[in-house]
Amino acid sequence: MFWFRLRMYFLVVLMFAIIYAVVFMVSYSLGLRSFYFYLVLSLAVVFLQYMLGPKLIEWTMRVRYLKAGELVHIQNMIKDLAMRAGIPQPRLGISSISLPNAFAFGRSRSDGRVCVTEGILRLLNEKELRAVLGHEISHIKNYDVLTLTLLSIIPLILYRLAWQMMYMGGGSRQRREGALAVWLIGMLAFLAYFITNLLVLYASRIREYFADRGSVSLGNPPHELASALYKLVYGSSRTPREYIHQIEGLKAFFVNDPSSALKELRELKELDANYSGTIDREELASLRNKTVRLSTSEKFLELLSTHPNMLKRIKQLSRWG
């Protein structure tokens, strides 16, 4: 995990270096007042998203929180995993959707919520479900929601600055003295927005690796999580595409990306050597010394995804077995 941590630190430094460079150019051409206006506006938008987000997720995903005595075995899993992780016990909810998956959200560790869908309860066995819950508990432990929310401020600021400079102009003085220069700086700001948006997606993919590792560190065997991921890909591939499109905006919260399921299923079928519908310890170990090669199109799709390529992700699990 050292290299993942190093990448994450480098990513954060790079993000702030980019915005510093853009802010310097914008400040030079427009003055600091405009930058601070967009900074405050972006912070306000992200703050509202941060505060209202949990309610929007509950409403969109039709979440119902469990009462005492309901699904006691799952509540006991959450309690034990939270104790091992050293965080307050999150609230456990059920999402009444058929897509098999799980997700975590909340504003802080003390406000953590872990939800499982009705579909995942019908698909995974107890050990696989525990491994998935360990993954979600790790997201809460690692402050992933807060981290990605804060990082997302940077592309938002850059987008608003680019829009202002490219399409609304920088005021009469700029139009008289150098409209072309202002437009070019706006283009650079838009390019920086595009790059930082890709970096936020990259950060999201790194956080998935951290959460996988976190689940293993909480006592879940890597092959149980690998098997759970395989089953989730299978279950997502059988879900109607129009249904997945309805929850497209929330897929970053899921354990896997349902939109990529059909492609991933073809890759993962080769791991299930005995056609049992699971990935056992030996099948996962066989991947350890194999080289995973992605085509150009697969690399491009991963670049634009919130989740790592599933085969690469399961190979990483094989190293922790």
C-alpha atoms as a PDB file:
ATOM      1  CA  MET A   1       0.000   0.000   0.000  1.00  0.00           C
ATOM      2  CA  PHE A   2       3.035   2.305   0.222  1.00  0.00           C
ATOM      3  CA  TRP A   3       2.877   3.085  -3.504  1.00  0.00           C
ATOM      4  CA  PHE A   4      -0.857   3.811  -3.329  1.00  0.00           C
ATOM      5  CA  ARG A   5      -0.272   6.233  -0.446  1.00  0.00           C
ATOM      6  CA  LEU A   6       2.601   7.888  -2.294  1.00  0.00           C
ATOM      7  CA  ARG A   7       0.400   8.304  -5.388  1.00  0.00           C
ATOM      8  CA  MET A   8      -2.346   9.838  -3.282  1.00  0.00           C
ATOM      9  CA  TYR A   9       0.022  12.353  -1.663  1.00  0.00           C
ATOM     10  CA  PHE A  10       1.499  13.246  -5.055  1.00  0.00           C
ATOM     11  CA  LEU A  11      -2.017  13.623  -6.482  1.00  0.00           C
ATOM     12  CA  VAL A  12      -3.059  16.099  -3.777  1.00  0.00           C
ATOM     13  CA  VAL A  13       0.115  18.160  -4.271  1.00  0.00           C
ATOM     14  CA  LEU A  14      -0.397  18.160  -8.049  1.00  0.00           C
ATOM     15  CA  MET A  15      -4.038  19.241  -7.727  1.00  0.00           C
ATOM     16  CA  PHE A  16      -3.166  22.236  -5.590  1.00  0.00           C
ATOM     17  CA  ALA A  17      -0.175  23.099  -7.797  1.00  0.00           C
ATOM     18  CA  ILE A  18      -2.492  23.242 -10.822  1.00  0.00           C
ATOM     19  CA  ILE A  19      -5.024  25.486  -9.144  1.00  0.00           C
ATOM     20  CA  TYR A  20      -2.241  27.721  -7.811  1.00  0.00           C
ATOM     21  CA  ALA A  21      -0.885  28.169 -11.349  1.00  0.00           C
ATOM     22  CA  VAL A  22      -4.314  28.921 -12.787  1.00  0.00           C
ATOM     23  CA  VAL A  23      -5.220  31.298  -9.969  1.00  0.00           C
ATOM     24  CA  PHE A  24      -1.957  33.156 -10.534  1.00  0.00           C
ATOM     25  CA  MET A  25      -2.792  33.643 -14.239  1.00  0.00           C
ATOM     26  CA  VAL A  26      -6.383  34.641 -13.508  1.00  0.00           C
ATOM     27  CA  SER A  27      -5.321  37.026 -10.757  1.00  0.00           C
ATOM     28  CA  TYR A  28      -2.848  38.654 -13.129  1.00  0.00           C
ATOM     29  CA  SER A  29      -5.474  39.249 -15.802  1.00  0.00           C
ATOM     30  CA  LEU A  30      -8.646  39.857 -13.781  1.00  0.00           C
ATOM     31  CA  GLY A  31      -7.635  40.782 -10.270  1.00  0.00           C
ATOM     32  CA  LEU A  32      -8.197  38.830  -7.081  1.00  0.00           C
ATOM     33  CA  ARG A  33     -11.808  39.879  -6.586  1.00  0.00           C
ATOM     34  CA  SER A  34     -13.118  37.599  -9.333  1.00  0.00           C
ATOM     35  CA  PHE A  35     -11.189  34.598  -8.055  1.00  0.00           C
ATOM     36  CA  TYR A  36     -12.460  34.994  -4.521  1.00  0.00           C
ATOM     37  CA  PHE A  37     -16.018  35.308  -5.779  1.00  0.00           C
ATOM     38  CA  TYR A  38     -15.773  31.953  -7.566  1.00  0.00           C
ATOM     39  CA  LEU A  39     -13.919  30.398  -4.666  1.00  0.00           C
ATOM     40  CA  VAL A  40     -16.703  31.382  -2.261  1.00  0.00           C
ATOM     41  CA  LEU A  41     -19.384  30.299  -4.738  1.00  0.00           C
ATOM     42  CA  SER A  42     -17.719  26.901  -5.272  1.00  0.00           C
ATOM     43  CA  LEU A  43     -17.255  26.366  -1.555  1.00  0.00           C
ATOM     44  CA  ALA A  44     -20.918  27.210  -0.997  1.00  0.00           C
ATOM     45  CA  VAL A  45     -22.037  24.708  -3.667  1.00  0.00           C
ATOM     46  CA  VAL A  46     -19.836  21.953  -2.230  1.00  0.00           C
ATOM     47  CA  PHE A  47     -20.972  22.758   1.325  1.00  0.00           C
ATOM     48  CA  LEU A  48     -24.623  22.433   0.314  1.00  0.00           C
ATOM     49  CA  GLN A  49     -23.819  19.194  -1.487  1.00  0.00           C
ATOM     50  CA  TYR A  50     -21.972  17.948   1.596  1.00  0.00           C
ATOM     51  CA  MET A  51     -24.829  18.837   3.969  1.00  0.00           C
ATOM     52  CA  LEU A  52     -27.753  17.770   1.767  1.00  0.00           C
ATOM     53  CA  GLY A  53     -26.014  14.830   0.096  1.00  0.00           C
ATOM     54  CA  PRO A  54     -26.962  12.155   2.650  1.00  0.00           C
ATOM     55  CA  LYS A  55     -30.666  13.027   2.381  1.00  0.00           C
ATOM     56  CA  LEU A  56     -30.527  13.014  -1.405  1.00  0.00           C
ATOM     57  CA  ILE A  57     -28.844   9.601  -1.379  1.00  0.00           C
ATOM     58  CA  GLU A  58     -31.424   8.211   1.042  1.00  0.00           C
ATOM     59  CA  TRP A  59     -34.239   9.494  -1.157  1.00  0.00           C
ATOM     60  CA  THR A  60     -32.748   8.330  -4.467  1.00  0.00           C
ATOM     61  CA  MET A  61     -31.764   4.886  -3.194  1.00  0.00           C
ATOM     62  CA  ARG A  62     -34.945   4.409  -1.138  1.00  0.00           C
ATOM     63  CA  VAL A  63     -33.042   3.706   2.072  1.00  0.00           C
ATOM     64  CA  ARG A  64     -34.753   2.392   5.175  1.00  0.00           C
ATOM     65  CA  TYR A  65     -32.673   2.126   8.353  1.00  0.00           C
ATOM     66  CA  LEU A  66     -32.901  -1.084  10.347  1.00  0.00           C
ATOM     67  CA  LYS A  67     -34.465  -1.220  13.769  1.00  0.00           C
ATOM     68  CA  ALA A  68     -33.245  -3.332  16.667  1.00  0.00           C
ATOM     69  CA  GLY A  69     -33.999  -6.995  15.998  1.00  0.00           C
ATOM     70  CA  GLU A  70     -33.976  -6.721  12.190  1.00  0.00           C
ATOM     71  CA  LEU A  71     -31.343  -8.721  10.290  1.00  0.00           C
ATOM     72  CA  VAL A  72     -29.447  -9.205  13.524  1.00  0.00           C
ATOM     73  CA  HIS A  73     -26.600 -11.156  11.887  1.00  0.00           C
ATOM     74  CA  ILE A  74     -25.801  -8.216   9.585  1.00  0.00           C
ATOM     75  CA  GLN A  75     -26.046  -5.700  12.411  1.00  0.00           C
ATOM     76  CA  ASN A  76     -23.619  -7.856  14.389  1.00  0.00           C
ATOM     77  CA  MET A  77     -21.215  -7.838  11.419  1.00  0.00           C
ATOM     78  CA  ILE A  78     -21.322  -4.050  11.295  1.00  0.00           C
ATOM     79  CA  LYS A  79     -20.797  -3.779  15.034  1.00  0.00           C
ATOM     80  CA  ASP A  80     -17.793  -6.110  14.987  1.00  0.00           C
ATOM     81  CA  LEU A  81     -16.204  -4.510  11.903  1.00  0.00           C
ATOM     82  CA  ALA A  82     -16.642  -0.996  13.299  1.00  0.00           C
ATOM     83  CA  MET A  83     -15.048  -2.081  16.584  1.00  0.00           C
ATOM     84  CA  ARG A  84     -12.092  -3.599  14.711  1.00  0.00           C
ATOM     85  CA  ALA A  85     -11.769  -0.415  12.629  1.00  0.00           C
ATOM     86  CA  GLY A  86     -11.920   1.777  15.720  1.00  0.00           C
ATOM     87  CA  ILE A  87     -14.818   3.943  14.546  1.00  0.00           C
ATOM     88  CA  PRO A  88     -18.333   4.574  15.900  1.00  0.00           C
ATOM     89  CA  GLN A  89     -20.839   1.987  14.729  1.00  0.00           C
ATOM     90  CA  PRO A  90     -22.471   3.264  11.501  1.00  0.00           C
ATOM     91  CA  ARG A  91     -26.199   3.129  10.938  1.00  0.00           C
ATOM     92  CA  LEU A  92     -27.221   0.177   8.788  1.00  0.00           C
ATOM     93  CA  GLY A  93     -29.803   0.634   6.081  1.00  0.00           C
ATOM     94  CA  ILE A  94     -31.533  -1.406   3.410  1.00  0.00           C
ATOM     95  CA  SER A  95     -31.972   0.044  -0.075  1.00  0.00           C
ATOM     96  CA  SER A  96     -35.068  -1.319  -1.770  1.00  0.00           C
ATOM     97  CA  ILE A  97     -33.509  -1.736  -5.204  1.00  0.00           C
ATOM     98  CA  SER A  98     -32.791  -4.973  -7.011  1.00  0.00           C
ATOM     99  CA  LEU A  99     -29.274  -4.062  -8.190  1.00  0.00           C
ATOM    100  CA  PRO A 100     -26.875  -6.065  -5.987  1.00  0.00           C
ATOM    101  CA  ASN A 101     -24.511  -3.642  -4.293  1.00  0.00           C
ATOM    102  CA  ALA A 102     -23.584  -1.786  -1.115  1.00  0.00           C
ATOM    103  CA  PHE A 103     -22.501   1.749  -0.365  1.00  0.00           C
ATOM    104  CA  ALA A 104     -21.350   3.992   2.483  1.00  0.00           C
ATOM    105  CA  PHE A 105     -21.944   7.693   2.963  1.00  0.00           C
ATOM    106  CA  GLY A 106     -22.190  10.320   5.685  1.00  0.00           C
ATOM    107  CA  ARG A 107     -20.512  13.542   6.672  1.00  0.00           C
ATOM    108  CA  SER A 108     -18.005  12.102   9.144  1.00  0.00           C
ATOM    109  CA  ARG A 109     -17.040   8.943  11.025  1.00  0.00           C
ATOM    110  CA  SER A 110     -19.668   9.668  13.668  1.00  0.00           C
ATOM    111  CA  ASP A 111     -22.292  10.212  10.938  1.00  0.00           C
ATOM    112  CA  GLY A 112     -21.403   7.071   8.959  1.00  0.00           C
ATOM    113  CA  ARG A 113     -24.103   5.036   7.237  1.00  0.00           C
ATOM    114  CA  VAL A 114     -23.658   1.694   5.492  1.00  0.00           C
ATOM    115  CA  CYS A 115     -26.401   0.430   3.214  1.00  0.00           C
ATOM    116  CA  VAL A 116     -26.943  -2.842   1.413  1.00  0.00           C
ATOM    117  CA  THR A 117     -29.433  -3.374  -1.376  1.00  0.00           C
ATOM    118  CA  GLU A 118     -32.081  -6.058  -1.375  1.00  0.00           C
ATOM    119  CA  GLY A 119     -30.316  -7.523  -4.394  1.00  0.00           C
ATOM    120  CA  ILE A 120     -27.015  -8.123  -2.600  1.00  0.00           C
ATOM    121  CA  LEU A 121     -28.713  -9.963   0.261  1.00  0.00           C
ATOM    122  CA  ARG A 122     -30.021 -12.530  -2.225  1.00  0.00           C
ATOM    123  CA  LEU A 123     -26.676 -12.929  -3.990  1.00  0.00           C
ATOM    124  CA  LEU A 124     -23.812 -13.156  -1.475  1.00  0.00           C
ATOM    125  CA  ASN A 125     -23.136 -15.653   1.269  1.00  0.00           C
ATOM    126  CA  GLU A 126     -22.342 -14.455   4.793  1.00  0.00           C
ATOM    127  CA  LYS A 127     -18.537 -14.353   4.417  1.00  0.00           C
ATOM    128  CA  GLU A 128     -18.705 -12.509   1.118  1.00  0.00           C
ATOM    129  CA  LEU A 129     -21.181 -10.004   2.543  1.00  0.00           C
ATOM    130  CA  ARG A 130     -18.914  -9.420   5.536  1.00  0.00           C
ATOM    131  CA  ALA A 131     -15.989  -8.705   3.180  1.00  0.00           C
ATOM    132  CA  VAL A 132     -18.101  -6.127   1.301  1.00  0.00           C
ATOM    133  CA  LEU A 133     -19.213  -4.514   4.560  1.00  0.00           C
ATOM    134  CA  GLY A 134     -15.550  -4.347   5.607  1.00  0.00           C
ATOM    135  CA  HIS A 135     -14.847  -2.473   2.380  1.00  0.00           C
ATOM    136  CA  GLU A 136     -17.590   0.062   3.170  1.00  0.00           C
ATOM    137  CA  ILE A 137     -16.511   0.442   6.811  1.00  0.00           C
ATOM    138  CA  SER A 138     -13.004   1.215   5.515  1.00  0.00           C
ATOM    139  CA  HIS A 139     -14.383   4.014   3.332  1.00  0.00           C
ATOM    140  CA  ILE A 140     -15.819   5.621   6.466  1.00  0.00           C
ATOM    141  CA  LYS A 141     -12.634   5.030   8.464  1.00  0.00           C
ATOM    142  CA  ASN A 142     -10.497   6.620   5.723  1.00  0.00           C
ATOM    143  CA  TYR A 143     -12.706   9.763   5.424  1.00  0.00           C
ATOM    144  CA  ASP A 144     -13.149   8.969   1.728  1.00  0.00           C
ATOM    145  CA  VAL A 145     -16.382  10.919   1.287  1.00  0.00           C
ATOM    146  CA  LEU A 146     -14.802  14.021   2.842  1.00  0.00           C
ATOM    147  CA  THR A 147     -11.550  13.590   0.877  1.00  0.00           C
ATOM    148  CA  LEU A 148     -13.253  13.333  -2.509  1.00  0.00           C
ATOM    149  CA  THR A 149     -15.681  16.136  -1.667  1.00  0.00           C
ATOM    150  CA  LEU A 150     -12.799  18.489  -0.854  1.00  0.00           C
ATOM    151  CA  LEU A 151     -10.826  17.482  -3.951  1.00  0.00           C
ATOM    152  CA  SER A 152     -13.884  18.036  -6.147  1.00  0.00           C
ATOM    153  CA  ILE A 153     -13.849  21.727  -5.183  1.00  0.00           C
ATOM    154  CA  ILE A 154     -10.811  22.292  -7.412  1.00  0.00           C
ATOM    155  CA  PRO A 155     -12.367  21.242 -10.766  1.00  0.00           C
ATOM    156  CA  LEU A 156     -15.518  23.132  -9.813  1.00  0.00           C
ATOM    157  CA  ILE A 157     -13.586  26.378  -9.267  1.00  0.00           C
ATOM    158  CA  LEU A 158     -11.628  25.928 -12.487  1.00  0.00           C
ATOM    159  CA  TYR A 159     -14.778  25.263 -14.503  1.00  0.00           C
ATOM    160  CA  ARG A 160     -16.456  28.424 -13.273  1.00  0.00           C
ATOM    161  CA  LEU A 161     -13.333  30.492 -13.934  1.00  0.00           C
ATOM    162  CA  ALA A 162     -12.985  29.052 -17.441  1.00  0.00           C
ATOM    163  CA  TRP A 163     -16.625  29.766 -18.232  1.00  0.00           C
ATOM    164  CA  GLN A 164     -16.321  33.342 -17.006  1.00  0.00           C
ATOM    165  CA  MET A 165     -13.178  34.101 -19.021  1.00  0.00           C
ATOM    166  CA  MET A 166     -14.117  32.291 -22.238  1.00  0.00           C
ATOM    167  CA  TYR A 167     -17.777  33.237 -22.636  1.00  0.00           C
ATOM    168  CA  MET A 168     -18.577  36.164 -20.376  1.00  0.00           C
ATOM    169  CA  GLY A 169     -15.402  38.148 -20.752  1.00  0.00           C
ATOM    170  CA  GLY A 170     -13.307  39.768 -18.075  1.00  0.00           C
ATOM    171  CA  GLY A 171     -14.831  43.232 -18.105  1.00  0.00           C
ATOM    172  CA  SER A 172     -14.521  46.162 -20.518  1.00  0.00           C
ATOM    173  CA  ARG A 173     -10.878  46.790 -19.734  1.00  0.00           C
ATOM    174  CA  GLN A 174      -9.879  43.246 -20.650  1.00  0.00           C
ATOM    175  CA  ARG A 175     -11.905  43.415 -23.843  1.00  0.00           C
ATOM    176  CA  ARG A 176     -10.097  46.595 -24.844  1.00  0.00           C
ATOM    177  CA  GLU A 177      -6.566  45.573 -23.901  1.00  0.00           C
ATOM    178  CA  GLY A 178      -6.431  41.889 -24.564  1.00  0.00           C
ATOM    179  CA  ALA A 179      -9.590  39.903 -25.152  1.00  0.00           C
ATOM    180  CA  LEU A 180      -7.606  37.197 -26.913  1.00  0.00           C
ATOM    181  CA  ALA A 181      -5.212  36.816 -23.973  1.00  0.00           C
ATOM    182  CA  VAL A 182      -8.151  36.496 -21.559  1.00  0.00           C
ATOM    183  CA  TRP A 183      -9.781  33.891 -23.800  1.00  0.00           C
ATOM    184  CA  LEU A 184      -6.529  31.906 -23.976  1.00  0.00           C
ATOM    185  CA  ILE A 185      -6.230  31.930 -20.189  1.00  0.00           C
ATOM    186  CA  GLY A 186      -9.846  30.743 -20.050  1.00  0.00           C
ATOM    187  CA  MET A 187      -8.918  27.880 -22.359  1.00  0.00           C
ATOM    188  CA  LEU A 188      -6.015  26.989 -20.063  1.00  0.00           C
ATOM    189  CA  ALA A 189      -8.383  27.070 -17.092  1.00  0.00           C
ATOM    190  CA  PHE A 190     -10.752  24.740 -18.945  1.00  0.00           C
ATOM    191  CA  LEU A 191      -7.862  22.385 -19.755  1.00  0.00           C
ATOM    192  CA  ALA A 192      -6.893  22.465 -16.086  1.00  0.00           C
ATOM    193  CA  TYR A 193     -10.514  21.681 -15.184  1.00  0.00           C
ATOM    194  CA  PHE A 194     -10.456  18.630 -17.470  1.00  0.00           C
ATOM    195  CA  ILE A 195      -7.125  17.414 -16.044  1.00  0.00           C
ATOM    196  CA  THR A 196      -8.132  17.916 -12.409  1.00  0.00           C
ATOM    197  CA  ASN A 197     -11.437  16.155 -13.070  1.00  0.00           C
ATOM    198  CA  LEU A 198      -9.447  13.144 -14.305  1.00  0.00           C
ATOM    199  CA  LEU A 199      -7.283  13.400 -11.181  1.00  0.00           C
ATOM    200  CA  VAL A 200     -10.387  13.313  -8.961  1.00  0.00           C
ATOM    201  CA  LEU A 201     -11.471  10.135 -10.758  1.00  0.00           C
ATOM    202  CA  TYR A 202      -7.980   8.743 -10.216  1.00  0.00           C
ATOM    203  CA  ALA A 203      -8.243   9.599  -6.515  1.00  0.00           C
ATOM    204  CA  SER A 204     -11.558   7.751  -6.392  1.00  0.00           C
ATOM    205  CA  ARG A 205      -9.933   4.650  -7.901  1.00  0.00           C
ATOM    206  CA  ILE A 206      -7.090   4.792  -5.382  1.00  0.00           C
ATOM    207  CA  ARG A 207      -9.609   5.021  -2.531  1.00  0.00           C
ATOM    208  CA  GLU A 208     -11.202   1.788  -3.773  1.00  0.00           C
ATOM    209  CA  TYR A 209      -7.862   0.000  -3.425  1.00  0.00           C
ATOM    210  CA  PHE A 210      -7.497   1.442   0.084  1.00  0.00           C
ATOM    211  CA  ALA A 211     -10.970   0.197   1.014  1.00  0.00           C
ATOM    212  CA  ASP A 212     -10.210  -3.288  -0.371  1.00  0.00           C
ATOM    213  CA  ARG A 213      -7.031  -3.406   1.682  1.00  0.00           C
ATOM    214  CA  GLY A 214      -8.969  -2.123   4.679  1.00  0.00           C
ATOM    215  CA  SER A 215     -11.458  -4.979   4.404  1.00  0.00           C
ATOM    216  CA  VAL A 216      -8.606  -7.504   4.397  1.00  0.00           C
ATOM    217  CA  SER A 217      -6.987  -5.821   7.415  1.00  0.00           C
ATOM    218  CA  LEU A 218     -10.300  -6.202   9.269  1.00  0.00           C
ATOM    219  CA  GLY A 219      -9.961  -9.984   9.019  1.00  0.00           C
ATOM    220  CA  ASN A 220     -11.728 -10.769   5.738  1.00  0.00           C
ATOM    221  CA  PRO A 221      -9.836 -13.225   3.484  1.00  0.00           C
ATOM    222  CA  PRO A 222      -8.993 -11.641   0.103  1.00  0.00           C
ATOM    223  CA  HIS A 223     -10.657 -14.456  -1.840  1.00  0.00           C
ATOM    224  CA  GLU A 224     -13.990 -13.758  -0.103  1.00  0.00           C
ATOM    225  CA  LEU A 225     -13.908 -10.139  -1.276  1.00  0.00           C
ATOM    226  CA  ALA A 226     -12.766 -11.239  -4.751  1.00  0.00           C
ATOM    227  CA  SER A 227     -15.628 -13.715  -4.914  1.00  0.00           C
ATOM    228  CA  ALA A 228     -18.074 -11.033  -3.774  1.00  0.00           C
ATOM    229  CA  LEU A 229     -16.826  -8.650  -6.478  1.00  0.00           C
ATOM    230  CA  TYR A 230     -17.192 -11.391  -9.095  1.00  0.00           C
ATOM    231  CA  LYS A 231     -20.775 -12.050  -8.025  1.00  0.00           C
ATOM    232  CA  LEU A 232     -21.601  -8.328  -7.975  1.00  0.00           C
ATOM    233  CA  VAL A 233     -20.311  -7.994 -11.526  1.00  0.00           C
ATOM    234  CA  TYR A 234     -22.454 -10.968 -12.530  1.00  0.00           C
ATOM    235  CA  GLY A 235     -25.523  -9.544 -10.800  1.00  0.00           C
ATOM    236  CA  SER A 236     -25.005  -6.106 -12.351  1.00  0.00           C
ATOM    237  CA  SER A 237     -24.659  -7.623 -15.819  1.00  0.00           C
ATOM    238  CA  ARG A 238     -28.159  -9.093 -15.472  1.00  0.00           C
ATOM    239  CA  THR A 239     -29.680  -5.762 -14.437  1.00  0.00           C
ATOM    240  CA  PRO A 240     -31.527  -3.898 -17.236  1.00  0.00           C
ATOM    241  CA  ARG A 241     -29.454  -1.026 -18.629  1.00  0.00           C
ATOM    242  CA  GLU A 242     -32.291   1.468 -18.320  1.00  0.00           C
ATOM    243  CA  TYR A 243     -32.463   0.736 -14.594  1.00  0.00           C
ATOM    244  CA  ILE A 244     -28.724   1.354 -14.166  1.00  0.00           C
ATOM    245  CA  HIS A 245     -29.037   4.671 -16.005  1.00  0.00           C
ATOM    246  CA  GLN A 246     -31.512   5.855 -13.367  1.00  0.00           C
ATOM    247  CA  ILE A 247     -28.835   5.643 -10.657  1.00  0.00           C
ATOM    248  CA  GLU A 248     -25.888   6.657 -12.855  1.00  0.00           C
ATOM    249  CA  GLY A 249     -25.048   9.674 -10.697  1.00  0.00           C
ATOM    250  CA  LEU A 250     -24.535   7.563  -7.577  1.00  0.00           C
ATOM    251  CA  LYS A 251     -22.389   4.747  -8.945  1.00  0.00           C
ATOM    252  CA  ALA A 252     -19.248   6.283  -7.411  1.00  0.00           C
ATOM    253  CA  PHE A 253     -20.628   5.202  -4.026  1.00  0.00           C
ATOM    254  CA  PHE A 254     -21.002   1.545  -5.058  1.00  0.00           C
ATOM    255  CA  VAL A 255     -18.543  -1.285  -4.488  1.00  0.00           C
ATOM    256  CA  ASN A 256     -18.246  -1.761  -8.261  1.00  0.00           C
ATOM    257  CA  ASP A 257     -19.277   0.181 -11.358  1.00  0.00           C
ATOM    258  CA  PRO A 258     -22.502  -1.433 -12.681  1.00  0.00           C
ATOM    259  CA  SER A 259     -22.051   0.264 -16.068  1.00  0.00           C
ATOM    260  CA  SER A 260     -18.903  -1.796 -16.764  1.00  0.00           C
ATOM    261  CA  ALA A 261     -20.344  -5.137 -15.653  1.00  0.00           C
ATOM    262  CA  LEU A 262     -20.820  -6.797 -19.048  1.00  0.00           C
ATOM    263  CA  LYS A 263     -17.234  -6.126 -20.111  1.00  0.00           C
ATOM    264  CA  GLU A 264     -15.825  -7.109 -16.714  1.00  0.00           C
ATOM    265  CA  LEU A 265     -17.785 -10.337 -16.604  1.00  0.00           C
ATOM    266  CA  ARG A 266     -16.065 -11.569 -19.769  1.00  0.00           C
ATOM    267  CA  GLU A 267     -12.664 -10.878 -18.186  1.00  0.00           C
ATOM    268  CA  LEU A 268     -13.466 -12.485 -14.835  1.00  0.00           C
ATOM    269  CA  LYS A 269     -15.013 -15.684 -16.151  1.00  0.00           C
ATOM    270  CA  GLU A 270     -11.509 -16.987 -16.837  1.00  0.00           C
ATOM    271  CA  LEU A 271     -10.733 -16.844 -13.109  1.00  0.00           C
ATOM    272  CA  ASP A 272     -13.588 -19.192 -12.241  1.00  0.00           C
ATOM    273  CA  ALA A 273     -11.729 -22.315 -13.375  1.00  0.00           C
ATOM    274  CA  ASN A 274     -14.182 -24.814 -11.854  1.00  0.00           C
ATOM    275  CA  TYR A 275     -17.312 -22.847 -12.951  1.00  0.00           C
ATOM    276  CA  SER A 276     -18.578 -22.667  -9.386  1.00  0.00           C
ATOM    277  CA  GLY A 277     -19.726 -19.065  -9.656  1.00  0.00           C
ATOM    278  CA  THR A 278     -17.187 -18.000  -7.012  1.00  0.00           C
ATOM    279  CA  ILE A 279     -13.468 -17.286  -6.774  1.00  0.00           C
ATOM    280  CA  ASP A 280     -11.829 -19.547  -4.205  1.00  0.00           C
ATOM    281  CA  ARG A 281      -8.443 -19.196  -2.534  1.00  0.00           C
ATOM    282  CA  GLU A 282      -6.597 -21.278  -5.157  1.00  0.00           C
ATOM    283  CA  GLU A 283      -8.174 -19.456  -8.093  1.00  0.00           C
ATOM    284  CA  LEU A 284      -7.204 -16.104  -6.613  1.00  0.00           C
ATOM    285  CA  ALA A 285      -3.649 -17.310  -5.913  1.00  0.00           C
ATOM    286  CA  SER A 286      -3.297 -18.394  -9.562  1.00  0.00           C
ATOM    287  CA  LEU A 287      -3.692 -14.758 -10.614  1.00  0.00           C
ATOM    288  CA  ARG A 288      -0.805 -13.561  -8.450  1.00  0.00           C
ATOM    289  CA  ASN A 289       1.964 -14.311 -10.952  1.00  0.00           C
ATOM    290  CA  LYS A 290       0.001 -13.458 -14.081  1.00  0.00           C
ATOM    291  CA  THR A 291       0.360 -10.185 -15.948  1.00  0.00           C
ATOM    292  CA  VAL A 292      -2.807  -8.193 -16.495  1.00  0.00           C
ATOM    293  CA  ARG A 293      -2.689  -6.395 -19.840  1.00  0.00           C
ATOM    294  CA  LEU A 294      -5.364  -3.896 -20.766  1.00  0.00           C
ATOM    295  CA  SER A 295      -6.186  -2.843 -24.302  1.00  0.00           C
ATOM    296  CA  THR A 296      -6.074   0.831 -25.257  1.00  0.00           C
ATOM    297  CA  SER A 297      -9.865   1.074 -25.066  1.00  0.00           C
ATOM    298  CA  GLU A 298      -9.895  -0.557 -21.623  1.00  0.00           C
ATOM    299  CA  LYS A 299      -7.253   1.874 -20.365  1.00  0.00           C
ATOM    300  CA  PHE A 300      -9.303   4.788 -21.704  1.00  0.00           C
ATOM    301  CA  LEU A 301     -12.481   3.518 -20.052  1.00  0.00           C
ATOM    302  CA  GLU A 302     -10.662   3.112 -16.745  1.00  0.00           C
ATOM    303  CA  LEU A 303      -9.301   6.649 -17.060  1.00  0.00           C
ATOM    304  CA  LEU A 304     -12.891   7.959 -17.109  1.00  0.00           C
ATOM    305  CA  SER A 305     -14.175   5.640 -14.372  1.00  0.00           C
ATOM    306  CA  THR A 306     -14.617   6.063 -10.634  1.00  0.00           C
ATOM    307  CA  HIS A 307     -13.531   2.435 -10.081  1.00  0.00           C
ATOM    308  CA  PRO A 308     -10.394   0.524 -11.064  1.00  0.00           C
ATOM    309  CA  ASN A 309     -10.494  -2.119 -13.756  1.00  0.00           C
ATOM    310  CA  MET A 310     -11.954  -5.133 -11.958  1.00  0.00           C
ATOM    311  CA  LEU A 311      -9.330  -7.616 -13.127  1.00  0.00           C
ATOM    312  CA  LYS A 312      -6.537  -5.306 -11.907  1.00  0.00           C
ATOM    313  CA  ARG A 313      -8.385  -4.862  -8.637  1.00  0.00           C
ATOM    314  CA  ILE A 314      -8.738  -8.587  -8.023  1.00  0.00           C
ATOM    315  CA  LYS A 315      -5.097  -9.132  -8.965  1.00  0.00           C
ATOM    316  CA  GLN A 316      -4.185  -6.622  -6.256  1.00  0.00           C
ATOM    317  CA  LEU A 317      -6.244  -8.694  -3.814  1.00  0.00           C
ATOM    318  CA  SER A 318      -4.230 -11.775  -4.813  1.00  0.00           C
ATOM    319  CA  ARG A 319      -1.089 -10.053  -3.519  1.00  0.00           C
ATOM    320  CA  TRP A 320      -2.628  -9.668  -0.086  1.00  0.00           C
ATOM    321  CA  GLY A 321      -3.612 -13.333   0.240  1.00  0.00           C
END
